[in-house]
């Protein structure tokens, strides 16, 4: 009986591990290659990084359901790309 339970536990554990995959973080707005800004998700579900694709400036965007907690602040205001 113990052997059967251990085998069942191992099979379930391997099954869970097989389906545990890290989600690939992709940019929002990838469908439009000429978009000036793109949003990248972070590990915090309420925070995004906004990238200006033309010059490389980055902002942090915090989203909230109530307007009091929403904000946007800069992380890098120095243009990193030329031309």
PDB file of N, CA and C in Angstrom:
ATOM      1  N   UNK A   1       0.821  -1.195   0.000  1.00  0.00           N
ATOM      2  CA  UNK A   1       0.000   0.000   0.000  1.00  0.00           C
ATOM      3  C   UNK A   1       0.865   1.259   0.000  1.00  0.00           C
ATOM      4  N   UNK A   2       1.911   1.275   0.833  1.00  0.00           N
ATOM      5  CA  UNK A   2       2.800   2.434   0.882  1.00  0.00           C
ATOM      6  C   UNK A   2       3.511   2.624  -0.452  1.00  0.00           C
ATOM      7  N   UNK A   3       3.900   1.516  -1.035  1.00  0.00           N
ATOM      8  CA  UNK A   3       4.609   1.581  -2.309  1.00  0.00           C
ATOM      9  C   UNK A   3       3.722   2.196  -3.397  1.00  0.00           C
ATOM     10  N   UNK A   4       2.460   1.819  -3.384  1.00  0.00           N
ATOM     11  CA  UNK A   4       1.519   2.333  -4.366  1.00  0.00           C
ATOM     12  C   UNK A   4       1.294   3.842  -4.167  1.00  0.00           C
ATOM     13  N   UNK A   5       1.194   4.289  -2.919  1.00  0.00           N
ATOM     14  CA  UNK A   5       1.028   5.710  -2.643  1.00  0.00           C
ATOM     15  C   UNK A   5       2.260   6.508  -3.040  1.00  0.00           C
ATOM     16  N   UNK A   6       3.435   5.967  -2.787  1.00  0.00           N
ATOM     17  CA  UNK A   6       4.675   6.655  -3.165  1.00  0.00           C
ATOM     18  C   UNK A   6       4.768   6.772  -4.680  1.00  0.00           C
ATOM     19  N   UNK A   7       4.426   5.719  -5.398  1.00  0.00           N
ATOM     20  CA  UNK A   7       4.451   5.761  -6.863  1.00  0.00           C
ATOM     21  C   UNK A   7       3.444   6.770  -7.397  1.00  0.00           C
ATOM     22  N   UNK A   8       2.254   6.799  -6.793  1.00  0.00           N
ATOM     23  CA  UNK A   8       1.239   7.763  -7.210  1.00  0.00           C
ATOM     24  C   UNK A   8       1.708   9.193  -6.951  1.00  0.00           C
ATOM     25  N   UNK A   9       2.336   9.428  -5.812  1.00  0.00           N
ATOM     26  CA  UNK A   9       2.856  10.756  -5.486  1.00  0.00           C
ATOM     27  C   UNK A   9       3.934  11.174  -6.481  1.00  0.00           C
ATOM     28  N   UNK A  10       4.833  10.272  -6.816  1.00  0.00           N
ATOM     29  CA  UNK A  10       5.915  10.575  -7.761  1.00  0.00           C
ATOM     30  C   UNK A  10       5.349  10.892  -9.141  1.00  0.00           C
ATOM     31  N   UNK A  11       4.370  10.128  -9.585  1.00  0.00           N
ATOM     32  CA  UNK A  11       3.765  10.370 -10.901  1.00  0.00           C
ATOM     33  C   UNK A  11       3.066  11.732 -10.915  1.00  0.00           C
ATOM     34  N   UNK A  12       2.340  12.053  -9.850  1.00  0.00           N
ATOM     35  CA  UNK A  12       1.667  13.360  -9.778  1.00  0.00           C
ATOM     36  C   UNK A  12       2.680  14.499  -9.723  1.00  0.00           C
ATOM     37  N   UNK A  13       3.743  14.316  -8.968  1.00  0.00           N
ATOM     38  CA  UNK A  13       4.765  15.351  -8.844  1.00  0.00           C
ATOM     39  C   UNK A  13       5.452  15.596 -10.183  1.00  0.00           C
ATOM     40  N   UNK A  14       5.765  14.545 -10.909  1.00  0.00           N
ATOM     41  CA  UNK A  14       6.393  14.695 -12.225  1.00  0.00           C
ATOM     42  C   UNK A  14       5.419  15.358 -13.195  1.00  0.00           C
ATOM     43  N   UNK A  15       4.136  15.027 -13.097  1.00  0.00           N
ATOM     44  CA  UNK A  15       3.137  15.651 -13.953  1.00  0.00           C
ATOM     45  C   UNK A  15       3.024  17.143 -13.702  1.00  0.00           C
ATOM     46  N   UNK A  16       3.071  17.525 -12.435  1.00  0.00           N
ATOM     47  CA  UNK A  16       3.012  18.946 -12.099  1.00  0.00           C
ATOM     48  C   UNK A  16       4.254  19.661 -12.614  1.00  0.00           C
ATOM     49  N   UNK A  17       5.406  19.064 -12.445  1.00  0.00           N
ATOM     50  CA  UNK A  17       6.642  19.674 -12.938  1.00  0.00           C
ATOM     51  C   UNK A  17       6.661  19.802 -14.451  1.00  0.00           C
ATOM     52  N   UNK A  18       6.046  18.862 -15.132  1.00  0.00           N
ATOM     53  CA  UNK A  18       6.037  18.906 -16.596  1.00  0.00           C
ATOM     54  C   UNK A  18       5.224  20.091 -17.115  1.00  0.00           C
ATOM     55  N   UNK A  19       4.188  20.479 -16.379  1.00  0.00           N
ATOM     56  CA  UNK A  19       3.339  21.578 -16.828  1.00  0.00           C
ATOM     57  C   UNK A  19       3.744  22.923 -16.251  1.00  0.00           C
ATOM     58  N   UNK A  20       4.709  22.951 -15.355  1.00  0.00           N
ATOM     59  CA  UNK A  20       5.182  24.218 -14.791  1.00  0.00           C
ATOM     60  C   UNK A  20       6.205  24.813 -15.742  1.00  0.00           C
ATOM     61  N   UNK A  21       5.790  25.825 -16.441  1.00  0.00           N
ATOM     62  CA  UNK A  21       6.692  26.503 -17.360  1.00  0.00           C
ATOM     63  C   UNK A  21       6.621  27.986 -17.081  1.00  0.00           C
ATOM     64  N   UNK A  22       7.740  28.631 -17.227  1.00  0.00           N
ATOM     65  CA  UNK A  22       7.779  30.073 -17.005  1.00  0.00           C
ATOM     66  C   UNK A  22       7.150  30.774 -18.196  1.00  0.00           C
ATOM     67  N   UNK A  23       6.278  31.723 -17.897  1.00  0.00           N
ATOM     68  CA  UNK A  23       5.649  32.488 -18.972  1.00  0.00           C
ATOM     69  C   UNK A  23       6.664  33.415 -19.606  1.00  0.00           C
ATOM     70  N   UNK A  24       6.649  33.467 -20.908  1.00  0.00           N
ATOM     71  CA  UNK A  24       7.547  34.357 -21.621  1.00  0.00           C
ATOM     72  C   UNK A  24       6.959  35.753 -21.609  1.00  0.00           C
ATOM     73  N   UNK A  25       7.748  36.732 -21.170  1.00  0.00           N
ATOM     74  CA  UNK A  25       7.275  38.105 -21.110  1.00  0.00           C
ATOM     75  C   UNK A  25       7.487  38.751 -22.473  1.00  0.00           C
ATOM     76  N   UNK A  26       6.410  39.169 -23.067  1.00  0.00           N
ATOM     77  CA  UNK A  26       6.497  39.828 -24.365  1.00  0.00           C
ATOM     78  C   UNK A  26       5.942  41.237 -24.247  1.00  0.00           C
ATOM     79  N   UNK A  27       6.309  42.044 -25.176  1.00  0.00           N
ATOM     80  CA  UNK A  27       5.862  43.442 -25.161  1.00  0.00           C
ATOM     81  C   UNK A  27       4.428  43.541 -25.648  1.00  0.00           C
ATOM     82  N   UNK A  28       3.669  44.412 -25.008  1.00  0.00           N
ATOM     83  CA  UNK A  28       2.324  44.701 -25.487  1.00  0.00           C
ATOM     84  C   UNK A  28       2.450  45.668 -26.654  1.00  0.00           C
ATOM     85  N   UNK A  29       1.774  45.404 -27.717  1.00  0.00           N
ATOM     86  CA  UNK A  29       1.858  46.259 -28.892  1.00  0.00           C
ATOM     87  C   UNK A  29       2.843  45.738 -29.917  1.00  0.00           C
ATOM     88  N   UNK A  30       3.184  44.451 -29.857  1.00  0.00           N
ATOM     89  CA  UNK A  30       4.116  43.887 -30.830  1.00  0.00           C
ATOM     90  C   UNK A  30       3.486  43.738 -32.201  1.00  0.00           C
ATOM     91  N   UNK A  31       2.162  43.778 -32.275  1.00  0.00           N
ATOM     92  CA  UNK A  31       1.513  43.597 -33.559  1.00  0.00           C
ATOM     93  C   UNK A  31       1.699  44.800 -34.482  1.00  0.00           C
ATOM     94  N   UNK A  32       2.113  45.932 -33.915  1.00  0.00           N
ATOM     95  CA  UNK A  32       2.364  47.133 -34.712  1.00  0.00           C
ATOM     96  C   UNK A  32       3.858  47.472 -34.624  1.00  0.00           C
ATOM     97  N   UNK A  33       4.653  47.095 -35.620  1.00  0.00           N
ATOM     98  CA  UNK A  33       6.097  47.321 -35.534  1.00  0.00           C
ATOM     99  C   UNK A  33       6.500  48.789 -35.559  1.00  0.00           C
ATOM    100  N   UNK A  34       5.605  49.681 -35.987  1.00  0.00           N
ATOM    101  CA  UNK A  34       5.954  51.093 -36.033  1.00  0.00           C
ATOM    102  C   UNK A  34       5.464  51.853 -34.794  1.00  0.00           C
ATOM    103  N   UNK A  35       5.071  51.138 -33.736  1.00  0.00           N
ATOM    104  CA  UNK A  35       4.568  51.791 -32.519  1.00  0.00           C
ATOM    105  C   UNK A  35       5.694  52.565 -31.837  1.00  0.00           C
ATOM    106  N   UNK A  36       5.391  53.770 -31.395  1.00  0.00           N
ATOM    107  CA  UNK A  36       6.396  54.599 -30.730  1.00  0.00           C
ATOM    108  C   UNK A  36       6.681  54.126 -29.314  1.00  0.00           C
ATOM    109  N   UNK A  37       5.672  53.585 -28.648  1.00  0.00           N
ATOM    110  CA  UNK A  37       5.824  53.128 -27.271  1.00  0.00           C
ATOM    111  C   UNK A  37       5.380  51.680 -27.156  1.00  0.00           C
ATOM    112  N   UNK A  38       6.046  50.942 -26.271  1.00  0.00           N
ATOM    113  CA  UNK A  38       5.664  49.558 -25.977  1.00  0.00           C
ATOM    114  C   UNK A  38       5.659  49.369 -24.475  1.00  0.00           C
ATOM    115  N   UNK A  39       4.723  48.562 -23.990  1.00  0.00           N
ATOM    116  CA  UNK A  39       4.633  48.242 -22.575  1.00  0.00           C
ATOM    117  C   UNK A  39       5.160  46.834 -22.339  1.00  0.00           C
ATOM    118  N   UNK A  40       6.048  46.700 -21.353  1.00  0.00           N
ATOM    119  CA  UNK A  40       6.592  45.407 -20.978  1.00  0.00           C
ATOM    120  C   UNK A  40       6.117  45.059 -19.574  1.00  0.00           C
ATOM    121  N   UNK A  41       5.514  43.881 -19.388  1.00  0.00           N
ATOM    122  CA  UNK A  41       5.082  43.496 -18.043  1.00  0.00           C
ATOM    123  C   UNK A  41       6.272  43.174 -17.154  1.00  0.00           C
ATOM    124  N   UNK A  42       6.099  43.341 -15.856  1.00  0.00           N
ATOM    125  CA  UNK A  42       7.118  42.993 -14.871  1.00  0.00           C
ATOM    126  C   UNK A  42       6.566  41.872 -14.002  1.00  0.00           C
ATOM    127  N   UNK A  43       7.342  41.449 -13.011  1.00  0.00           N
ATOM    128  CA  UNK A  43       6.853  40.404 -12.115  1.00  0.00           C
ATOM    129  C   UNK A  43       5.744  40.917 -11.207  1.00  0.00           C
ATOM    130  N   UNK A  44       5.663  42.221 -11.000  1.00  0.00           N
ATOM    131  CA  UNK A  44       4.558  42.828 -10.263  1.00  0.00           C
ATOM    132  C   UNK A  44       3.419  43.038 -11.242  1.00  0.00           C
ATOM    133  N   UNK A  45       2.265  42.450 -10.977  1.00  0.00           N
ATOM    134  CA  UNK A  45       1.170  42.496 -11.949  1.00  0.00           C
ATOM    135  C   UNK A  45       0.584  43.887 -12.148  1.00  0.00           C
ATOM    136  N   UNK A  46       0.898  44.848 -11.298  1.00  0.00           N
ATOM    137  CA  UNK A  46       0.359  46.195 -11.409  1.00  0.00           C
ATOM    138  C   UNK A  46       1.358  47.162 -12.042  1.00  0.00           C
ATOM    139  N   UNK A  47       2.562  46.713 -12.359  1.00  0.00           N
ATOM    140  CA  UNK A  47       3.609  47.595 -12.853  1.00  0.00           C
ATOM    141  C   UNK A  47       4.049  47.181 -14.253  1.00  0.00           C
ATOM    142  N   UNK A  48       4.218  48.162 -15.120  1.00  0.00           N
ATOM    143  CA  UNK A  48       4.713  47.944 -16.474  1.00  0.00           C
ATOM    144  C   UNK A  48       5.877  48.895 -16.730  1.00  0.00           C
ATOM    145  N   UNK A  49       6.718  48.539 -17.693  1.00  0.00           N
ATOM    146  CA  UNK A  49       7.765  49.433 -18.167  1.00  0.00           C
ATOM    147  C   UNK A  49       7.348  49.926 -19.546  1.00  0.00           C
ATOM    148  N   UNK A  50       7.333  51.233 -19.715  1.00  0.00           N
ATOM    149  CA  UNK A  50       6.985  51.836 -21.006  1.00  0.00           C
ATOM    150  C   UNK A  50       8.273  52.258 -21.691  1.00  0.00           C
ATOM    151  N   UNK A  51       8.517  51.719 -22.874  1.00  0.00           N
ATOM    152  CA  UNK A  51       9.723  51.995 -23.637  1.00  0.00           C
ATOM    153  C   UNK A  51       9.384  52.843 -24.848  1.00  0.00           C
ATOM    154  N   UNK A  52      10.105  53.932 -25.003  1.00  0.00           N
ATOM    155  CA  UNK A  52      10.001  54.728 -26.219  1.00  0.00           C
ATOM    156  C   UNK A  52      10.938  54.069 -27.231  1.00  0.00           C
ATOM    157  N   UNK A  53      10.378  53.448 -28.247  1.00  0.00           N
ATOM    158  CA  UNK A  53      11.188  52.672 -29.191  1.00  0.00           C
ATOM    159  C   UNK A  53      12.011  53.548 -30.117  1.00  0.00           C
ATOM    160  N   UNK A  54      11.723  54.844 -30.154  1.00  0.00           N
ATOM    161  CA  UNK A  54      12.470  55.726 -31.045  1.00  0.00           C
ATOM    162  C   UNK A  54      13.792  56.183 -30.448  1.00  0.00           C
ATOM    163  N   UNK A  55      13.819  56.431 -29.134  1.00  0.00           N
ATOM    164  CA  UNK A  55      15.069  56.934 -28.539  1.00  0.00           C
ATOM    165  C   UNK A  55      15.534  56.173 -27.295  1.00  0.00           C
ATOM    166  N   UNK A  56      14.779  55.201 -26.800  1.00  0.00           N
ATOM    167  CA  UNK A  56      15.238  54.358 -25.709  1.00  0.00           C
ATOM    168  C   UNK A  56      14.903  54.844 -24.308  1.00  0.00           C
ATOM    169  N   UNK A  57      14.101  55.889 -24.179  1.00  0.00           N
ATOM    170  CA  UNK A  57      13.719  56.350 -22.846  1.00  0.00           C
ATOM    171  C   UNK A  57      12.737  55.367 -22.215  1.00  0.00           C
ATOM    172  N   UNK A  58      12.790  55.243 -20.866  1.00  0.00           N
ATOM    173  CA  UNK A  58      11.992  54.247 -20.151  1.00  0.00           C
ATOM    174  C   UNK A  58      11.245  54.914 -18.999  1.00  0.00           C
ATOM    175  N   UNK A  59       9.965  54.539 -18.820  1.00  0.00           N
ATOM    176  CA  UNK A  59       9.150  54.991 -17.708  1.00  0.00           C
ATOM    177  C   UNK A  59       8.589  53.785 -16.974  1.00  0.00           C
ATOM    178  N   UNK A  60       8.296  53.956 -15.700  1.00  0.00           N
ATOM    179  CA  UNK A  60       7.596  52.945 -14.919  1.00  0.00           C
ATOM    180  C   UNK A  60       6.138  53.378 -14.810  1.00  0.00           C
ATOM    181  N   UNK A  61       5.231  52.473 -15.152  1.00  0.00           N
ATOM    182  CA  UNK A  61       3.800  52.744 -15.105  1.00  0.00           C
ATOM    183  C   UNK A  61       3.196  51.838 -14.042  1.00  0.00           C
ATOM    184  N   UNK A  62       2.456  52.416 -13.086  1.00  0.00           N
ATOM    185  CA  UNK A  62       1.743  51.603 -12.105  1.00  0.00           C
ATOM    186  C   UNK A  62       0.263  51.750 -12.357  1.00  0.00           C
ATOM    187  N   UNK A  63      -0.401  50.632 -12.546  1.00  0.00           N
ATOM    188  CA  UNK A  63      -1.818  50.594 -12.842  1.00  0.00           C
ATOM    189  C   UNK A  63      -2.584  50.246 -11.577  1.00  0.00           C
ATOM    190  N   UNK A  64      -3.774  50.777 -11.437  1.00  0.00           N
ATOM    191  CA  UNK A  64      -4.624  50.483 -10.301  1.00  0.00           C
ATOM    192  C   UNK A  64      -6.071  50.652 -10.727  1.00  0.00           C
ATOM    193  N   UNK A  65      -6.988  50.026 -10.007  1.00  0.00           N
ATOM    194  CA  UNK A  65      -8.407  50.168 -10.326  1.00  0.00           C
ATOM    195  C   UNK A  65      -8.957  51.520  -9.886  1.00  0.00           C
ATOM    196  N   UNK A  66      -8.379  52.091  -8.845  1.00  0.00           N
ATOM    197  CA  UNK A  66      -8.816  53.430  -8.460  1.00  0.00           C
ATOM    198  C   UNK A  66      -7.763  54.436  -8.920  1.00  0.00           C
ATOM    199  N   UNK A  67      -8.207  55.600  -9.294  1.00  0.00           N
ATOM    200  CA  UNK A  67      -7.335  56.604  -9.904  1.00  0.00           C
ATOM    201  C   UNK A  67      -6.274  57.149  -8.965  1.00  0.00           C
ATOM    202  N   UNK A  68      -6.465  57.022  -7.663  1.00  0.00           N
ATOM    203  CA  UNK A  68      -5.527  57.588  -6.698  1.00  0.00           C
ATOM    204  C   UNK A  68      -4.158  56.917  -6.730  1.00  0.00           C
ATOM    205  N   UNK A  69      -4.106  55.644  -7.062  1.00  0.00           N
ATOM    206  CA  UNK A  69      -2.850  54.896  -7.001  1.00  0.00           C
ATOM    207  C   UNK A  69      -2.165  54.738  -8.347  1.00  0.00           C
ATOM    208  N   UNK A  70      -2.655  55.357  -9.391  1.00  0.00           N
ATOM    209  CA  UNK A  70      -2.016  55.264 -10.704  1.00  0.00           C
ATOM    210  C   UNK A  70      -0.942  56.332 -10.808  1.00  0.00           C
ATOM    211  N   UNK A  71       0.200  55.945 -11.365  1.00  0.00           N
ATOM    212  CA  UNK A  71       1.219  56.951 -11.600  1.00  0.00           C
ATOM    213  C   UNK A  71       2.174  56.499 -12.681  1.00  0.00           C
ATOM    214  N   UNK A  72       2.904  57.459 -13.204  1.00  0.00           N
ATOM    215  CA  UNK A  72       3.932  57.218 -14.214  1.00  0.00           C
ATOM    216  C   UNK A  72       5.147  58.034 -13.797  1.00  0.00           C
ATOM    217  N   UNK A  73       6.292  57.384 -13.729  1.00  0.00           N
ATOM    218  CA  UNK A  73       7.526  58.079 -13.361  1.00  0.00           C
ATOM    219  C   UNK A  73       8.636  57.625 -14.291  1.00  0.00           C
ATOM    220  N   UNK A  74       9.606  58.471 -14.490  1.00  0.00           N
ATOM    221  CA  UNK A  74      10.666  58.139 -15.427  1.00  0.00           C
ATOM    222  C   UNK A  74      11.732  57.275 -14.749  1.00  0.00           C
ATOM    223  N   UNK A  75      12.332  56.396 -15.514  1.00  0.00           N
ATOM    224  CA  UNK A  75      13.483  55.621 -15.076  1.00  0.00           C
ATOM    225  C   UNK A  75      14.735  56.095 -15.800  1.00  0.00           C
ATOM    226  N   UNK A  76      14.563  56.506 -17.051  1.00  0.00           N
ATOM    227  CA  UNK A  76      15.683  56.999 -17.842  1.00  0.00           C
ATOM    228  C   UNK A  76      15.151  58.034 -18.838  1.00  0.00           C
ATOM    229  N   UNK A  77      15.531  59.283 -18.651  1.00  0.00           N
ATOM    230  CA  UNK A  77      15.085  60.328 -19.576  1.00  0.00           C
ATOM    231  C   UNK A  77      16.168  60.719 -20.574  1.00  0.00           C
ATOM    232  N   UNK A  78      17.318  60.078 -20.501  1.00  0.00           N
ATOM    233  CA  UNK A  78      18.410  60.358 -21.439  1.00  0.00           C
ATOM    234  C   UNK A  78      18.219  59.469 -22.667  1.00  0.00           C
ATOM    235  N   UNK A  79      18.084  60.056 -23.846  1.00  0.00           N
ATOM    236  CA  UNK A  79      17.926  59.232 -25.060  1.00  0.00           C
ATOM    237  C   UNK A  79      19.159  58.318 -25.258  1.00  0.00           C
ATOM    238  N   UNK A  80      18.899  57.038 -25.481  1.00  0.00           N
ATOM    239  CA  UNK A  80      19.971  56.055 -25.637  1.00  0.00           C
ATOM    240  C   UNK A  80      20.250  55.728 -27.100  1.00  0.00           C
ATOM    241  N   UNK A  81      19.345  56.109 -27.988  1.00  0.00           N
ATOM    242  CA  UNK A  81      19.525  55.825 -29.410  1.00  0.00           C
ATOM    243  C   UNK A  81      19.687  57.132 -30.175  1.00  0.00           C
ATOM    244  N   UNK A  82      20.437  57.081 -31.222  1.00  0.00           N
ATOM    245  CA  UNK A  82      20.613  58.275 -32.060  1.00  0.00           C
ATOM    246  C   UNK A  82      19.999  58.006 -33.421  1.00  0.00           C
ATOM    247  N   UNK A  83      19.583  59.065 -34.067  1.00  0.00           N
ATOM    248  CA  UNK A  83      19.047  58.934 -35.417  1.00  0.00           C
ATOM    249  C   UNK A  83      17.645  58.531 -35.370  1.00  0.00           C
TER     250      UNK A  83
END
